[in-house]
Structure formats: structure tokens, C-alpha cells
Amino acid sequence: MIFVIFASSAFAGSCPMMAKNIDAKIKEAQKLRDAGMKAHESGDHAKSEELLNQALELFKS
């Protein structure tokens, strides 16, 4: 029982690091999304799809 409590508290320290990783991915995805929509609006649909797919890939890794 003590081991379980200790293990849980040891993993609790990784939460802020995980949150920072998520925040970084969200920030990068937002930049790619904005660039993709700008490309779409200017008529460059191939570039738009490329950028938007890159944004989606960030959430798969």
C-alpha cells in the first residue's frame, strides 16, 4: 500500500511537464492552423491542406 502511494506521488510531479508539452503543441497547432487558413483564403489549397495536416499530426504523437 505504501508503494502505491509513493508511486502515485512520484508521477504527480510529471503533470506540469505534461501540461507544458500540451500547451506547446496547442500553440504550434494554432500557428499552423492560422497559416493554413490564410493559404486557403488566398487560394493556395494545396498549401492549406499541408499546413492543416501538419497541425493534426501534432496531436497524434
C-alpha atoms as a PDB file:
ATOM      1  CA  MET A   1       0.000   0.000   0.000  1.00  0.00           C
ATOM      2  CA  ILE A   2       2.822   2.417   0.829  1.00  0.00           C
ATOM      3  CA  PHE A   3       4.435   1.671  -2.537  1.00  0.00           C
ATOM      4  CA  VAL A   4       1.240   2.642  -4.365  1.00  0.00           C
ATOM      5  CA  ILE A   5       1.025   5.952  -2.501  1.00  0.00           C
ATOM      6  CA  PHE A   6       4.699   6.672  -3.143  1.00  0.00           C
ATOM      7  CA  ALA A   7       4.400   5.777  -6.830  1.00  0.00           C
ATOM      8  CA  SER A   8       1.345   7.999  -7.236  1.00  0.00           C
ATOM      9  CA  SER A   9       3.076  10.979  -5.658  1.00  0.00           C
ATOM     10  CA  ALA A  10       6.191  10.391  -7.790  1.00  0.00           C
ATOM     11  CA  PHE A  11       4.169  10.522 -11.004  1.00  0.00           C
ATOM     12  CA  ALA A  12       2.295  13.614  -9.824  1.00  0.00           C
ATOM     13  CA  GLY A  13       5.425  15.667 -10.478  1.00  0.00           C
ATOM     14  CA  SER A  14       5.193  14.943 -14.191  1.00  0.00           C
ATOM     15  CA  CYS A  15       1.805  16.680 -14.546  1.00  0.00           C
ATOM     16  CA  PRO A  16       3.238  20.190 -15.051  1.00  0.00           C
ATOM     17  CA  MET A  17       5.662  18.837 -17.670  1.00  0.00           C
ATOM     18  CA  MET A  18       2.823  17.088 -19.479  1.00  0.00           C
ATOM     19  CA  ALA A  19       0.746  20.284 -19.398  1.00  0.00           C
ATOM     20  CA  LYS A  20       3.662  22.296 -20.847  1.00  0.00           C
ATOM     21  CA  ASN A  21       4.006  19.752 -23.652  1.00  0.00           C
ATOM     22  CA  ILE A  22       0.284  20.042 -24.425  1.00  0.00           C
ATOM     23  CA  ASP A  23       0.453  23.842 -24.337  1.00  0.00           C
ATOM     24  CA  ALA A  24       3.399  23.828 -26.755  1.00  0.00           C
ATOM     25  CA  LYS A  25       1.529  21.542 -29.168  1.00  0.00           C
ATOM     26  CA  ILE A  26      -1.593  23.692 -28.972  1.00  0.00           C
ATOM     27  CA  LYS A  27       0.451  26.829 -29.676  1.00  0.00           C
ATOM     28  CA  GLU A  28       2.207  25.232 -32.664  1.00  0.00           C
ATOM     29  CA  ALA A  29      -1.067  23.759 -33.969  1.00  0.00           C
ATOM     30  CA  GLN A  30      -2.719  27.193 -33.746  1.00  0.00           C
ATOM     31  CA  LYS A  31       0.111  28.765 -35.769  1.00  0.00           C
ATOM     32  CA  LEU A  32      -0.187  26.047 -38.418  1.00  0.00           C
ATOM     33  CA  ARG A  33      -3.971  26.377 -38.439  1.00  0.00           C
ATOM     34  CA  ASP A  34      -3.806  30.135 -38.905  1.00  0.00           C
ATOM     35  CA  ALA A  35      -1.243  29.793 -41.703  1.00  0.00           C
ATOM     36  CA  GLY A  36      -3.363  27.072 -43.301  1.00  0.00           C
ATOM     37  CA  MET A  37      -6.478  29.216 -43.264  1.00  0.00           C
ATOM     38  CA  LYS A  38      -4.525  32.161 -44.673  1.00  0.00           C
ATOM     39  CA  ALA A  39      -3.312  29.928 -47.513  1.00  0.00           C
ATOM     40  CA  HIS A  40      -6.890  28.738 -48.070  1.00  0.00           C
ATOM     41  CA  GLU A  41      -8.207  32.287 -48.232  1.00  0.00           C
ATOM     42  CA  SER A  42      -5.534  33.232 -50.766  1.00  0.00           C
ATOM     43  CA  GLY A  43      -6.483  30.251 -52.943  1.00  0.00           C
ATOM     44  CA  ASP A  44      -3.485  28.019 -52.197  1.00  0.00           C
ATOM     45  CA  HIS A  45      -5.480  24.971 -51.187  1.00  0.00           C
ATOM     46  CA  ALA A  46      -2.587  22.526 -51.514  1.00  0.00           C
ATOM     47  CA  LYS A  47      -0.515  24.552 -49.039  1.00  0.00           C
ATOM     48  CA  SER A  48      -3.555  24.941 -46.804  1.00  0.00           C
ATOM     49  CA  GLU A  49      -4.100  21.177 -46.643  1.00  0.00           C
ATOM     50  CA  GLU A  50      -0.390  20.593 -45.996  1.00  0.00           C
ATOM     51  CA  LEU A  51      -0.325  23.027 -43.069  1.00  0.00           C
ATOM     52  CA  LEU A  52      -3.600  21.810 -41.573  1.00  0.00           C
ATOM     53  CA  ASN A  53      -2.453  18.195 -41.806  1.00  0.00           C
ATOM     54  CA  GLN A  54       0.782  19.152 -40.015  1.00  0.00           C
ATOM     55  CA  ALA A  55      -1.335  20.671 -37.250  1.00  0.00           C
ATOM     56  CA  LEU A  56      -3.391  17.497 -36.936  1.00  0.00           C
ATOM     57  CA  GLU A  57      -0.250  15.350 -36.809  1.00  0.00           C
ATOM     58  CA  LEU A  58       0.892  17.180 -33.678  1.00  0.00           C
ATOM     59  CA  PHE A  59      -1.967  15.582 -31.777  1.00  0.00           C
ATOM     60  CA  LYS A  60      -1.155  12.071 -32.981  1.00  0.00           C
ATOM     61  CA  SER A  61       2.307  11.992 -31.429  1.00  0.00           C
END
